[in-house]
Protein backbone atom coordinates (compact mmCIF):
# COMPACT_ATOMS: atom_id res chain seq x y z
CA MET A 1 -57.26 107.99 173.61
CA PRO A 2 -58.25 111.70 174.12
CA ALA A 3 -55.40 112.26 176.57
CA ILE A 4 -52.90 110.86 173.97
CA ARG A 5 -54.33 112.94 171.19
CA ASN A 6 -54.15 115.97 173.40
CA SER A 7 -50.54 115.24 174.26
CA GLY A 8 -49.77 114.87 170.58
CA ALA A 9 -51.37 118.04 169.65
CA LEU A 10 -49.76 120.07 172.43
CA ALA A 11 -46.34 118.53 171.29
CA LEU A 12 -47.13 119.65 167.76
CA GLY A 13 -47.89 123.11 168.92
CA GLY A 14 -44.49 123.32 170.75
CA ILE A 15 -42.57 122.07 168.10
CA VAL A 16 -43.91 124.61 165.68
CA LEU A 17 -43.42 127.51 168.18
CA ALA A 18 -39.76 126.23 168.71
CA ALA A 19 -39.15 126.29 164.95
CA VAL A 20 -40.62 129.86 164.54
CA LEU A 21 -38.50 130.96 167.47
CA THR A 22 -35.45 129.54 165.88
CA VAL A 23 -36.01 131.33 162.63
CA ILE A 24 -36.53 134.60 164.31
CA GLY A 25 -33.30 134.01 166.38
CA HIS A 26 -31.37 133.51 163.19
CA ALA A 27 -33.09 136.56 161.46
CA GLY A 28 -31.75 138.82 164.28
CA VAL A 29 -28.02 137.97 163.56
CA SER A 30 -26.42 139.19 160.31
CA ASP A 31 -22.61 138.93 161.18
CA LEU A 32 -22.70 135.10 161.54
CA ASP A 33 -22.31 132.59 158.72
CA PRO A 34 -24.88 129.75 159.04
CA VAL A 35 -23.12 127.48 156.57
CA SER A 36 -19.99 127.23 158.90
CA LEU A 37 -21.38 128.13 162.26
CA THR A 38 -23.86 125.97 164.41
CA VAL A 39 -27.23 126.94 165.91
CA SER A 40 -25.41 126.93 169.31
CA ASP A 41 -23.00 129.56 167.97
CA TYR A 42 -25.95 131.72 167.12
CA ALA A 43 -27.53 131.16 170.53
CA VAL A 44 -24.57 132.97 172.24
CA SER A 45 -24.89 135.89 169.97
CA ASP A 46 -26.16 139.32 171.17
CA SER A 47 -29.77 138.24 170.06
CA GLY A 48 -29.46 134.44 170.48
CA GLU A 49 -31.42 134.12 173.83
CA ILE A 50 -34.52 133.28 171.89
CA ILE A 51 -32.86 130.27 170.43
CA HIS A 52 -32.10 128.95 173.92
CA ILE A 53 -35.93 129.47 174.65
CA ALA A 54 -36.70 127.48 171.54
CA MET A 55 -34.48 124.60 172.66
CA LEU A 56 -36.08 124.41 175.97
CA LEU A 57 -39.57 124.61 174.28
CA LEU A 58 -38.62 121.71 172.01
CA ALA A 59 -37.39 119.75 175.08
CA ALA A 60 -40.80 120.40 176.88
CA ALA A 61 -42.61 119.23 173.68
CA SER A 62 -40.66 116.05 173.39
CA ALA A 63 -41.37 115.36 177.19
CA VAL A 64 -45.04 115.66 176.69
CA LEU A 65 -44.82 112.74 174.20
CA ILE A 66 -43.08 110.38 176.56
CA PRO A 67 -45.88 108.98 178.44
CA THR A 68 -47.71 108.26 175.00
CA LEU A 69 -45.16 106.11 173.41
CA GLY A 70 -46.11 103.01 175.29
CA ARG A 71 -49.71 103.33 174.25
CA LEU A 72 -49.18 103.86 170.64
CA SER A 73 -50.13 100.68 168.74
CA PRO A 74 -51.98 99.38 165.66
CA PRO A 75 -55.79 99.35 166.16
CA ASP A 76 -55.46 95.57 165.69
CA GLY A 77 -52.09 95.46 167.62
CA PRO A 78 -50.83 92.60 169.51
CA ARG A 79 -52.77 91.27 172.26
CA SER A 80 -51.85 92.01 175.93
CA VAL A 81 -49.45 90.03 177.75
CA THR A 82 -52.21 88.80 180.09
CA ALA A 83 -54.27 87.76 177.32
CA THR A 84 -51.47 85.85 175.76
CA ARG A 85 -50.49 84.01 179.02
CA ARG A 86 -53.93 82.59 178.92
CA ALA A 87 -53.96 81.67 175.33
CA VAL A 88 -53.80 78.10 174.30
CA GLY A 89 -52.59 76.66 171.02
CA PRO A 90 -49.40 75.94 169.33
CA LYS A 91 -48.77 79.55 168.57
CA ALA A 92 -49.17 80.87 172.17
CA GLY A 93 -45.47 80.86 172.81
CA ARG A 94 -44.65 82.60 169.75
CA ALA A 95 -47.27 85.29 170.31
CA PHE A 96 -46.09 85.73 173.90
CA GLY A 97 -42.56 86.51 172.76
CA THR A 98 -44.03 88.96 170.20
CA ALA A 99 -45.92 90.86 172.93
CA THR A 100 -43.22 91.11 175.30
CA SER A 101 -40.40 92.10 172.63
CA ASP A 102 -43.02 94.69 171.66
CA GLY A 103 -43.31 96.16 175.03
CA GLY A 104 -39.69 96.18 175.42
CA ARG A 105 -39.27 98.40 172.31
CA GLY A 106 -41.83 100.70 173.69
CA ARG A 107 -40.00 101.25 176.92
CA ALA A 108 -36.66 101.52 175.21
CA ALA A 109 -38.24 104.21 172.95
CA GLU A 110 -39.49 106.10 176.05
CA TRP A 111 -35.95 106.04 177.69
CA LEU A 112 -34.48 107.29 174.46
CA LEU A 113 -36.89 109.94 174.00
CA ALA A 114 -36.24 110.97 177.59
CA VAL A 115 -32.56 111.14 176.79
CA TRP A 116 -33.16 113.40 173.82
CA ALA A 117 -35.42 115.76 175.76
CA GLY A 118 -32.69 115.79 178.60
CA GLY A 119 -30.01 116.48 176.18
CA LEU A 120 -31.84 119.35 174.68
CA LEU A 121 -32.67 120.71 178.15
CA VAL A 122 -28.95 120.68 179.23
CA SER A 123 -28.10 122.33 175.77
CA GLY A 124 -30.58 125.02 176.35
CA LEU A 125 -29.28 125.79 179.93
CA VAL A 126 -25.60 125.38 179.38
CA PRO A 127 -24.42 127.52 176.41
CA THR A 128 -21.43 126.66 174.41
CA ASN A 129 -18.44 129.22 174.03
CA PRO A 130 -18.50 132.17 171.53
CA PRO A 131 -17.20 131.41 168.15
CA GLY A 132 -13.26 131.82 167.96
CA THR A 133 -12.85 131.40 171.84
CA GLU A 134 -11.31 128.52 173.62
CA MET A 135 -13.81 125.85 174.77
CA ASP A 136 -14.50 125.76 178.65
CA THR A 137 -16.21 123.12 180.87
CA ALA A 138 -19.68 124.36 179.95
CA ALA A 139 -19.02 124.25 176.15
CA TYR A 140 -17.97 120.71 176.48
CA VAL A 141 -21.00 119.85 178.42
CA HIS A 142 -23.10 121.46 175.81
CA ARG A 143 -21.46 119.76 172.90
CA TYR A 144 -21.67 116.09 174.28
CA ALA A 145 -25.29 116.59 175.60
CA SER A 146 -26.25 117.73 172.14
CA VAL A 147 -24.25 114.52 170.51
CA VAL A 148 -26.27 112.24 172.91
CA ALA A 149 -29.39 113.71 172.06
CA PHE A 150 -28.82 113.63 168.38
CA LEU A 151 -28.12 109.96 168.54
CA ALA A 152 -31.00 108.90 170.89
CA LEU A 153 -33.88 110.38 168.85
CA PRO A 154 -33.40 108.53 165.59
CA ILE A 155 -33.05 105.17 167.45
CA ALA A 156 -36.26 105.95 169.34
CA GLY A 157 -37.80 106.56 166.06
CA TRP A 158 -36.72 103.33 164.42
CA LEU A 159 -38.13 101.39 167.59
CA LEU A 160 -41.33 103.21 167.27
CA ALA A 161 -41.66 102.51 163.58
CA ALA A 162 -41.37 98.77 164.40
CA ARG A 163 -44.37 99.18 166.57
CA LEU A 164 -46.78 100.82 164.07
CA PRO A 165 -48.94 99.08 161.44
CA ALA A 166 -46.96 97.40 158.62
CA GLY A 167 -46.98 99.69 155.53
CA THR A 168 -48.08 102.82 157.22
CA ARG A 169 -47.19 106.23 156.14
CA ALA A 170 -45.94 107.12 159.60
CA GLY A 171 -43.72 103.98 159.91
CA ARG A 172 -42.25 104.56 156.50
CA TRP A 173 -41.46 108.16 157.37
CA LEU A 174 -39.87 107.36 160.67
CA ARG A 175 -37.54 104.73 159.19
CA ALA A 176 -36.55 107.16 156.32
CA LEU A 177 -35.91 110.06 158.78
CA THR A 178 -34.10 107.66 161.04
CA VAL A 179 -31.75 106.68 158.24
CA THR A 180 -31.25 110.40 157.05
CA SER A 181 -30.51 111.41 160.73
CA LEU A 182 -27.93 108.83 161.17
CA LEU A 183 -26.34 109.44 157.73
CA LEU A 184 -26.17 113.17 158.69
CA ALA A 185 -24.69 112.49 162.08
CA VAL A 186 -21.93 110.50 160.24
CA VAL A 187 -21.37 113.38 157.83
CA MET A 188 -21.27 115.73 160.71
CA ALA A 189 -18.75 113.59 162.56
CA TRP A 190 -16.48 113.64 159.40
CA SER A 191 -16.77 117.47 159.01
CA ALA A 192 -15.84 118.03 162.55
CA TYR A 193 -12.60 116.07 162.24
CA PRO A 194 -10.95 115.22 158.94
CA GLY A 195 -13.20 117.46 157.17
CA ASP A 196 -11.98 120.65 158.82
CA ARG A 197 -15.44 121.63 159.79
CA ALA A 198 -16.42 122.06 156.05
CA TYR A 199 -20.09 123.12 155.85
CA TYR A 200 -20.51 122.11 159.53
CA GLY A 201 -23.21 124.55 160.23
CA LEU A 202 -25.24 123.50 157.09
CA ILE A 203 -24.78 119.98 157.88
CA GLU A 204 -25.95 120.47 161.44
CA ARG A 205 -29.11 122.33 160.32
CA ALA A 206 -29.95 119.55 157.98
CA LEU A 207 -29.56 116.97 160.84
CA ILE A 208 -31.77 119.13 163.15
CA LEU A 209 -34.32 119.44 160.33
CA ALA A 210 -34.47 115.84 159.92
CA GLU A 211 -34.70 114.94 163.70
CA VAL A 212 -37.32 117.72 164.32
CA ALA A 213 -39.31 116.22 161.36
CA LEU A 214 -38.93 112.84 162.97
CA LEU A 215 -40.25 114.19 166.18
CA THR A 216 -43.23 115.79 164.38
CA VAL A 217 -44.09 112.60 162.69
CA VAL A 218 -44.33 111.00 166.28
CA ALA A 219 -46.51 113.96 167.56
CA ALA A 220 -48.84 113.96 164.53
CA TYR A 221 -49.38 110.20 164.74
CA SER A 222 -50.14 110.57 168.34
CA SER A 223 -52.65 113.21 167.63
CA SER A 224 -54.41 111.29 164.95
CA TRP A 225 -57.36 108.76 165.28
CA SER A 226 -55.24 105.79 164.36
CA ILE A 227 -54.24 105.22 167.95
CA SER A 228 -55.60 102.65 170.15
CA TRP A 229 -55.18 102.01 173.78
CA ARG A 230 -53.89 98.63 174.68
CA PRO A 231 -55.38 97.56 177.97
CA ALA A 232 -53.19 96.03 180.62
CA SER A 233 -55.29 92.82 180.73
CA VAL A 234 -58.52 91.25 179.53
CA THR A 235 -60.97 89.20 181.38
CA GLU A 236 -61.76 86.65 178.83
CA PRO A 237 -59.02 84.18 177.53
CA GLU A 238 -58.66 84.25 173.90
CA ARG A 239 -57.42 81.31 171.53
CA LEU A 240 -54.57 82.36 169.19
CA GLY A 241 -55.23 80.52 165.87
């Protein structure tokens, strides 16, 4: 448990620092329009290097959380798979199915968070093209790495919400931010194509804000006292009533 809380606190610090650096990077640019231009456009400006650093820092903060996801569970969460295998009674089969599906969601969330972190890493290392210039290979790599990252995180958030105690504030926030992120992604796709990039930069910043908020909820929950470690096995069989 202490290791999980420490990882959550470390991730929170990284998220906050990345946000501060992003604001500083925007403040140093006065000739670009944040309503129409993306954060990546700011990152290739004269003072945009700090935004690349912020992206890499956010990727690192996300990576810190990956090992903790499989250990997040309600204090009275599902019994371990080993315990369920040993259980007797008419509900044992159903309980085993619940435990295994819960573990599957946890592993999927880990992979999706890794995809988000990897997408941020690539986006931070491979810059896009300056505004008004033709896109090159690096710019396409940057674009699609960002798209994959933006789609992976909300799905991971939804899977994690399903593993938290029913009715908890963290679960409600994760679901709300997931829906918000996916809706903003749809609006951003509309703006990019039939919408002639109307308010494209503003929509992207709203999407980034929603997804960073989602990541912050995960980190905050990880650093709280409401986390329990689910052991790999138990020595005494339990009867499921």
